[in-house]
Amino acid sequence: MILHNVGSVPPCDRARIEGIFQPTQAASYERLLSGLDAAGLTPLLDAVRFKPVVDLAGCTTACSTSGETQTLVQLNASVAKRKLGPHQGETLESMLGPCELHWKNSYTIDPLGYVYKCPAVAGRPEMAVTSVRGDGAEKTAPLVALRPWEQCGDCPWLPVCVGGCLGGQFLQTGRTDQVSCRKEAFEATFRHAITVRYLEEFGESIQNTPSM
């Protein structure tokens, strides 16, 4: 279905493919990328980007971090190898944070008219910041009121993480004073991204440098 839809894109337009994965699904996404190659559809793509699933019903965030990280690095490498559009270098910093919760002009509205800063908690009126009925001023989002990311200290990933998925953490634990730490994933993914970017920029000059 995805191959058919991409193939239907008008010649003057470009498509973007985004998907979410679980750690065990790397092979199926590799088949998708190979299928796009074989069908000659990669020139139609503006970007390909995959994000890990936030499992709210299963184990905690920490349980799946290692498998998630390995799969994310693998898929990022496959996308980069195929040079799928100008955004192929996107990595974890643009996929996991800071999330919409911290964006000034990002809101989610549920069917009852309650307004939320985090889409993960939409439908829970106690987590709303206001309503479209205009019956009160916008209040601070409960997920950020306690500023849980301040417990992260001098973590170097804080500027691009800001505590991770606070909405998902709340749905797992019922608490708003905890962060969803993805430090291992950031370290592994950034290590890969830096290597790729370095070789893209300096690879030719390195190859042409005379050996001692």
C-alpha atoms as a PDB file:
ATOM      1  CA  MET A   1       0.000   0.000   0.000  1.00  0.00           C
ATOM      2  CA  ILE A   2       2.811   2.442   0.893  1.00  0.00           C
ATOM      3  CA  LEU A   3       4.635   1.678  -2.380  1.00  0.00           C
ATOM      4  CA  HIS A   4       1.424   2.234  -4.333  1.00  0.00           C
ATOM      5  CA  ASN A   5       0.706   5.537  -2.590  1.00  0.00           C
ATOM      6  CA  VAL A   6       4.231   6.862  -3.116  1.00  0.00           C
ATOM      7  CA  GLY A   7       4.082   5.820  -6.760  1.00  0.00           C
ATOM      8  CA  SER A   8       0.886   7.874  -7.145  1.00  0.00           C
ATOM      9  CA  VAL A   9       2.612  11.131  -6.141  1.00  0.00           C
ATOM     10  CA  PRO A  10       2.482  13.677  -9.018  1.00  0.00           C
ATOM     11  CA  PRO A  11       5.901  14.240 -10.655  1.00  0.00           C
ATOM     12  CA  CYS A  12       6.091  17.833  -9.395  1.00  0.00           C
ATOM     13  CA  ASP A  13       5.529  16.810  -5.747  1.00  0.00           C
ATOM     14  CA  ARG A  14       7.600  14.912  -3.207  1.00  0.00           C
ATOM     15  CA  ALA A  15       6.380  12.591  -0.439  1.00  0.00           C
ATOM     16  CA  ARG A  16       7.478  12.144   3.137  1.00  0.00           C
ATOM     17  CA  ILE A  17       7.254   8.797   4.905  1.00  0.00           C
ATOM     18  CA  GLU A  18       7.073   8.655   8.696  1.00  0.00           C
ATOM     19  CA  GLY A  19       6.464   5.645  10.871  1.00  0.00           C
ATOM     20  CA  ILE A  20       6.709   4.318  14.406  1.00  0.00           C
ATOM     21  CA  PHE A  21       8.439   1.079  15.288  1.00  0.00           C
ATOM     22  CA  GLN A  22       8.917  -1.442  18.055  1.00  0.00           C
ATOM     23  CA  PRO A  23      12.391  -2.895  18.673  1.00  0.00           C
ATOM     24  CA  THR A  24      11.444  -6.196  16.993  1.00  0.00           C
ATOM     25  CA  GLN A  25      10.303  -4.599  13.726  1.00  0.00           C
ATOM     26  CA  ALA A  26      13.639  -3.579  12.200  1.00  0.00           C
ATOM     27  CA  ALA A  27      13.470  -6.264   9.494  1.00  0.00           C
ATOM     28  CA  SER A  28      10.069  -5.127   8.209  1.00  0.00           C
ATOM     29  CA  TYR A  29      11.257  -1.518   7.913  1.00  0.00           C
ATOM     30  CA  GLU A  30      14.384  -2.680   6.105  1.00  0.00           C
ATOM     31  CA  ARG A  31      12.116  -4.504   3.631  1.00  0.00           C
ATOM     32  CA  LEU A  32      10.135  -1.300   3.144  1.00  0.00           C
ATOM     33  CA  LEU A  33      13.296   0.676   2.348  1.00  0.00           C
ATOM     34  CA  SER A  34      14.515  -2.041  -0.011  1.00  0.00           C
ATOM     35  CA  GLY A  35      11.119  -2.094  -1.710  1.00  0.00           C
ATOM     36  CA  LEU A  36      11.260   1.665  -2.279  1.00  0.00           C
ATOM     37  CA  ASP A  37      14.699   1.215  -3.837  1.00  0.00           C
ATOM     38  CA  ALA A  38      13.622  -1.660  -6.063  1.00  0.00           C
ATOM     39  CA  ALA A  39      10.543   0.233  -7.271  1.00  0.00           C
ATOM     40  CA  GLY A  40      12.617   3.291  -8.161  1.00  0.00           C
ATOM     41  CA  LEU A  41      10.575   5.490  -5.835  1.00  0.00           C
ATOM     42  CA  THR A  42      13.327   7.052  -3.716  1.00  0.00           C
ATOM     43  CA  PRO A  43      13.636  10.132  -5.997  1.00  0.00           C
ATOM     44  CA  LEU A  44      10.037  10.981  -5.032  1.00  0.00           C
ATOM     45  CA  LEU A  45      10.839  11.131  -1.319  1.00  0.00           C
ATOM     46  CA  ASP A  46      11.536  14.353   0.538  1.00  0.00           C
ATOM     47  CA  ALA A  47      12.268  12.529   3.797  1.00  0.00           C
ATOM     48  CA  VAL A  48      12.007   9.206   5.597  1.00  0.00           C
ATOM     49  CA  ARG A  49      11.799   9.286   9.371  1.00  0.00           C
ATOM     50  CA  PHE A  50      11.062   6.592  11.953  1.00  0.00           C
ATOM     51  CA  LYS A  51      10.327   7.013  15.663  1.00  0.00           C
ATOM     52  CA  PRO A  52      10.098   4.450  18.487  1.00  0.00           C
ATOM     53  CA  VAL A  53       6.707   3.505  19.909  1.00  0.00           C
ATOM     54  CA  VAL A  54       6.027   4.672  23.456  1.00  0.00           C
ATOM     55  CA  ASP A  55       4.619   1.523  25.077  1.00  0.00           C
ATOM     56  CA  LEU A  56       2.178   2.663  27.727  1.00  0.00           C
ATOM     57  CA  ALA A  57       0.622  -0.726  28.422  1.00  0.00           C
ATOM     58  CA  GLY A  58       3.732  -2.866  28.701  1.00  0.00           C
ATOM     59  CA  CYS A  59       6.982  -2.428  30.569  1.00  0.00           C
ATOM     60  CA  THR A  60       8.432   0.876  31.641  1.00  0.00           C
ATOM     61  CA  THR A  61      10.505   3.110  29.393  1.00  0.00           C
ATOM     62  CA  ALA A  62      13.780   1.777  30.771  1.00  0.00           C
ATOM     63  CA  CYS A  63      12.936  -1.798  29.791  1.00  0.00           C
ATOM     64  CA  SER A  64      12.888  -1.180  26.046  1.00  0.00           C
ATOM     65  CA  THR A  65      15.532   1.522  25.721  1.00  0.00           C
ATOM     66  CA  SER A  66      18.386  -0.745  24.603  1.00  0.00           C
ATOM     67  CA  GLY A  67      16.445  -2.513  21.843  1.00  0.00           C
ATOM     68  CA  GLU A  68      14.867   0.769  20.783  1.00  0.00           C
ATOM     69  CA  THR A  69      18.257   2.419  20.467  1.00  0.00           C
ATOM     70  CA  GLN A  70      19.766  -0.373  18.405  1.00  0.00           C
ATOM     71  CA  THR A  71      16.787  -0.383  16.017  1.00  0.00           C
ATOM     72  CA  LEU A  72      16.775   3.409  15.702  1.00  0.00           C
ATOM     73  CA  VAL A  73      20.503   3.508  14.884  1.00  0.00           C
ATOM     74  CA  GLN A  74      20.060   0.715  12.320  1.00  0.00           C
ATOM     75  CA  LEU A  75      17.136   2.400  10.568  1.00  0.00           C
ATOM     76  CA  ASN A  76      18.833   5.808  10.593  1.00  0.00           C
ATOM     77  CA  ALA A  77      21.886   4.202   8.963  1.00  0.00           C
ATOM     78  CA  SER A  78      19.728   2.555   6.290  1.00  0.00           C
ATOM     79  CA  VAL A  79      17.939   5.815   5.519  1.00  0.00           C
ATOM     80  CA  ALA A  80      21.225   7.740   5.359  1.00  0.00           C
ATOM     81  CA  LYS A  81      22.838   5.109   3.115  1.00  0.00           C
ATOM     82  CA  ARG A  82      20.038   5.550   0.590  1.00  0.00           C
ATOM     83  CA  LYS A  83      20.291   9.372   0.753  1.00  0.00           C
ATOM     84  CA  LEU A  84      16.525   9.651   0.993  1.00  0.00           C
ATOM     85  CA  GLY A  85      16.025  13.377   0.624  1.00  0.00           C
ATOM     86  CA  PRO A  86      17.537  16.448   2.295  1.00  0.00           C
ATOM     87  CA  HIS A  87      16.247  15.407   5.705  1.00  0.00           C
ATOM     88  CA  GLN A  88      17.984  12.007   5.732  1.00  0.00           C
ATOM     89  CA  GLY A  89      20.379  13.247   8.408  1.00  0.00           C
ATOM     90  CA  GLU A  90      17.629  13.809  10.970  1.00  0.00           C
ATOM     91  CA  THR A  91      18.381  12.011  14.201  1.00  0.00           C
ATOM     92  CA  LEU A  92      17.045  11.628  17.685  1.00  0.00           C
ATOM     93  CA  GLU A  93      17.294  15.330  18.553  1.00  0.00           C
ATOM     94  CA  SER A  94      14.539  16.122  16.053  1.00  0.00           C
ATOM     95  CA  MET A  95      12.427  13.047  16.841  1.00  0.00           C
ATOM     96  CA  LEU A  96      12.152  12.830  20.602  1.00  0.00           C
ATOM     97  CA  GLY A  97      12.369  16.327  21.966  1.00  0.00           C
ATOM     98  CA  PRO A  98      11.716  18.847  23.031  1.00  0.00           C
ATOM     99  CA  CYS A  99       8.191  17.565  22.475  1.00  0.00           C
ATOM    100  CA  GLU A 100       5.080  19.596  21.710  1.00  0.00           C
ATOM    101  CA  LEU A 101       4.511  20.072  25.418  1.00  0.00           C
ATOM    102  CA  HIS A 102       7.217  22.739  25.435  1.00  0.00           C
ATOM    103  CA  TRP A 103       6.204  24.482  22.211  1.00  0.00           C
ATOM    104  CA  LYS A 104       4.588  27.881  22.640  1.00  0.00           C
ATOM    105  CA  ASN A 105       1.940  27.466  19.926  1.00  0.00           C
ATOM    106  CA  SER A 106       1.184  23.748  20.010  1.00  0.00           C
ATOM    107  CA  TYR A 107      -2.150  22.576  21.434  1.00  0.00           C
ATOM    108  CA  THR A 108      -4.458  19.552  21.276  1.00  0.00           C
ATOM    109  CA  ILE A 109      -8.237  19.884  21.654  1.00  0.00           C
ATOM    110  CA  ASP A 110     -10.417  16.926  22.647  1.00  0.00           C
ATOM    111  CA  PRO A 111     -14.054  16.360  21.500  1.00  0.00           C
ATOM    112  CA  LEU A 112     -15.367  18.082  24.637  1.00  0.00           C
ATOM    113  CA  GLY A 113     -13.394  21.233  23.914  1.00  0.00           C
ATOM    114  CA  TYR A 114     -10.697  20.844  26.557  1.00  0.00           C
ATOM    115  CA  VAL A 115      -7.269  22.103  25.475  1.00  0.00           C
ATOM    116  CA  TYR A 116      -4.020  20.320  26.296  1.00  0.00           C
ATOM    117  CA  LYS A 117      -0.332  21.008  25.773  1.00  0.00           C
ATOM    118  CA  CYS A 118       0.464  17.304  25.442  1.00  0.00           C
ATOM    119  CA  PRO A 119      -1.484  15.058  23.011  1.00  0.00           C
ATOM    120  CA  ALA A 120      -0.716  11.990  25.148  1.00  0.00           C
ATOM    121  CA  VAL A 121      -3.006  13.201  27.950  1.00  0.00           C
ATOM    122  CA  ALA A 122      -5.827  14.499  25.727  1.00  0.00           C
ATOM    123  CA  GLY A 123      -9.162  13.294  27.074  1.00  0.00           C
ATOM    124  CA  ARG A 124      -8.141  13.746  30.707  1.00  0.00           C
ATOM    125  CA  PRO A 125      -9.807  17.014  31.774  1.00  0.00           C
ATOM    126  CA  GLU A 126      -7.659  17.280  34.904  1.00  0.00           C
ATOM    127  CA  MET A 127      -4.639  17.692  32.627  1.00  0.00           C
ATOM    128  CA  ALA A 128      -6.187  20.425  30.466  1.00  0.00           C
ATOM    129  CA  VAL A 129      -4.818  23.978  30.425  1.00  0.00           C
ATOM    130  CA  THR A 130      -8.045  25.674  29.286  1.00  0.00           C
ATOM    131  CA  SER A 131     -11.085  25.030  27.082  1.00  0.00           C
ATOM    132  CA  VAL A 132     -12.424  26.435  23.827  1.00  0.00           C
ATOM    133  CA  ARG A 133     -15.453  27.713  25.757  1.00  0.00           C
ATOM    134  CA  GLY A 134     -13.274  30.479  27.125  1.00  0.00           C
ATOM    135  CA  ASP A 135     -14.369  29.889  30.718  1.00  0.00           C
ATOM    136  CA  GLY A 136     -10.940  30.546  32.201  1.00  0.00           C
ATOM    137  CA  ALA A 137      -7.432  31.744  31.494  1.00  0.00           C
ATOM    138  CA  GLU A 138      -4.834  29.244  30.329  1.00  0.00           C
ATOM    139  CA  LYS A 139      -3.059  27.638  33.275  1.00  0.00           C
ATOM    140  CA  THR A 140       0.340  26.014  33.445  1.00  0.00           C
ATOM    141  CA  ALA A 141       0.289  22.488  32.072  1.00  0.00           C
ATOM    142  CA  PRO A 142       0.282  20.032  35.017  1.00  0.00           C
ATOM    143  CA  LEU A 143       3.031  18.015  33.329  1.00  0.00           C
ATOM    144  CA  VAL A 144       5.495  20.916  33.588  1.00  0.00           C
ATOM    145  CA  ALA A 145       4.278  22.580  36.797  1.00  0.00           C
ATOM    146  CA  LEU A 146       6.814  20.699  38.943  1.00  0.00           C
ATOM    147  CA  ARG A 147       9.629  21.139  36.377  1.00  0.00           C
ATOM    148  CA  PRO A 148      10.786  17.521  36.770  1.00  0.00           C
ATOM    149  CA  TRP A 149      13.689  17.989  34.324  1.00  0.00           C
ATOM    150  CA  GLU A 150      15.510  20.066  36.936  1.00  0.00           C
ATOM    151  CA  GLN A 151      16.485  16.791  38.635  1.00  0.00           C
ATOM    152  CA  CYS A 152      18.561  15.962  35.527  1.00  0.00           C
ATOM    153  CA  GLY A 153      21.311  18.298  36.732  1.00  0.00           C
ATOM    154  CA  ASP A 154      24.029  18.951  34.165  1.00  0.00           C
ATOM    155  CA  CYS A 155      23.007  16.177  31.739  1.00  0.00           C
ATOM    156  CA  PRO A 156      24.317  17.284  28.303  1.00  0.00           C
ATOM    157  CA  TRP A 157      21.130  16.117  26.565  1.00  0.00           C
ATOM    158  CA  LEU A 158      18.789  18.285  28.620  1.00  0.00           C
ATOM    159  CA  PRO A 159      18.462  21.096  26.004  1.00  0.00           C
ATOM    160  CA  VAL A 160      17.109  18.669  23.383  1.00  0.00           C
ATOM    161  CA  CYS A 161      15.279  16.362  25.771  1.00  0.00           C
ATOM    162  CA  VAL A 162      13.781  18.475  28.595  1.00  0.00           C
ATOM    163  CA  GLY A 163      12.819  15.385  30.531  1.00  0.00           C
ATOM    164  CA  GLY A 164      11.693  13.236  27.596  1.00  0.00           C
ATOM    165  CA  CYS A 165       8.089  12.147  27.098  1.00  0.00           C
ATOM    166  CA  LEU A 166       6.519  13.512  30.275  1.00  0.00           C
ATOM    167  CA  GLY A 167       3.032  12.621  29.064  1.00  0.00           C
ATOM    168  CA  GLY A 168       3.981   9.003  28.504  1.00  0.00           C
ATOM    169  CA  GLN A 169       5.677   8.867  31.895  1.00  0.00           C
ATOM    170  CA  PHE A 170       2.521  10.218  33.546  1.00  0.00           C
ATOM    171  CA  LEU A 171       0.332   7.615  31.831  1.00  0.00           C
ATOM    172  CA  GLN A 172       2.663   4.868  33.052  1.00  0.00           C
ATOM    173  CA  THR A 173       3.076   6.028  36.639  1.00  0.00           C
ATOM    174  CA  GLY A 174       0.357   8.608  37.368  1.00  0.00           C
ATOM    175  CA  ARG A 175       3.081  11.017  38.529  1.00  0.00           C
ATOM    176  CA  THR A 176       4.153  14.406  37.205  1.00  0.00           C
ATOM    177  CA  ASP A 177       7.428  14.650  39.117  1.00  0.00           C
ATOM    178  CA  GLN A 178       9.401  12.119  37.045  1.00  0.00           C
ATOM    179  CA  VAL A 179      11.271  12.295  33.751  1.00  0.00           C
ATOM    180  CA  SER A 180      11.383   9.731  30.954  1.00  0.00           C
ATOM    181  CA  CYS A 181      15.133   9.295  30.555  1.00  0.00           C
ATOM    182  CA  ARG A 182      16.466   8.354  27.107  1.00  0.00           C
ATOM    183  CA  LYS A 183      20.124   9.096  27.800  1.00  0.00           C
ATOM    184  CA  GLU A 184      21.365   5.789  26.398  1.00  0.00           C
ATOM    185  CA  ALA A 185      19.430   6.316  23.170  1.00  0.00           C
ATOM    186  CA  PHE A 186      20.712   9.866  22.755  1.00  0.00           C
ATOM    187  CA  GLU A 187      24.325   8.820  23.294  1.00  0.00           C
ATOM    188  CA  ALA A 188      24.190   5.933  20.817  1.00  0.00           C
ATOM    189  CA  THR A 189      22.259   7.813  18.133  1.00  0.00           C
ATOM    190  CA  PHE A 190      24.310  10.984  18.331  1.00  0.00           C
ATOM    191  CA  ARG A 191      27.525   8.955  18.174  1.00  0.00           C
ATOM    192  CA  HIS A 192      26.298   7.449  14.907  1.00  0.00           C
ATOM    193  CA  ALA A 193      25.018  10.783  13.548  1.00  0.00           C
ATOM    194  CA  ILE A 194      28.282  12.600  14.256  1.00  0.00           C
ATOM    195  CA  THR A 195      30.267   9.904  12.427  1.00  0.00           C
ATOM    196  CA  VAL A 196      27.962  10.086   9.398  1.00  0.00           C
ATOM    197  CA  ARG A 197      28.047  13.883   9.251  1.00  0.00           C
ATOM    198  CA  TYR A 198      31.833  13.987   9.668  1.00  0.00           C
ATOM    199  CA  LEU A 199      32.392  11.540   6.820  1.00  0.00           C
ATOM    200  CA  GLU A 200      29.917  13.379   4.594  1.00  0.00           C
ATOM    201  CA  GLU A 201      31.776  16.646   5.083  1.00  0.00           C
ATOM    202  CA  PHE A 202      35.386  15.518   5.324  1.00  0.00           C
ATOM    203  CA  GLY A 203      35.400  12.000   3.884  1.00  0.00           C
ATOM    204  CA  GLU A 204      36.889  12.947   0.508  1.00  0.00           C
ATOM    205  CA  SER A 205      39.660  15.059   2.049  1.00  0.00           C
ATOM    206  CA  ILE A 206      40.529  12.232   4.439  1.00  0.00           C
ATOM    207  CA  GLN A 207      40.849   9.786   1.558  1.00  0.00           C
ATOM    208  CA  ASN A 208      43.099  12.197  -0.334  1.00  0.00           C
ATOM    209  CA  THR A 209      45.403  12.857   2.647  1.00  0.00           C
ATOM    210  CA  PRO A 210      48.823  11.213   2.076  1.00  0.00           C
ATOM    211  CA  SER A 211      49.664   8.562   4.626  1.00  0.00           C
ATOM    212  CA  MET A 212      52.711   9.123   6.840  1.00  0.00           C
END
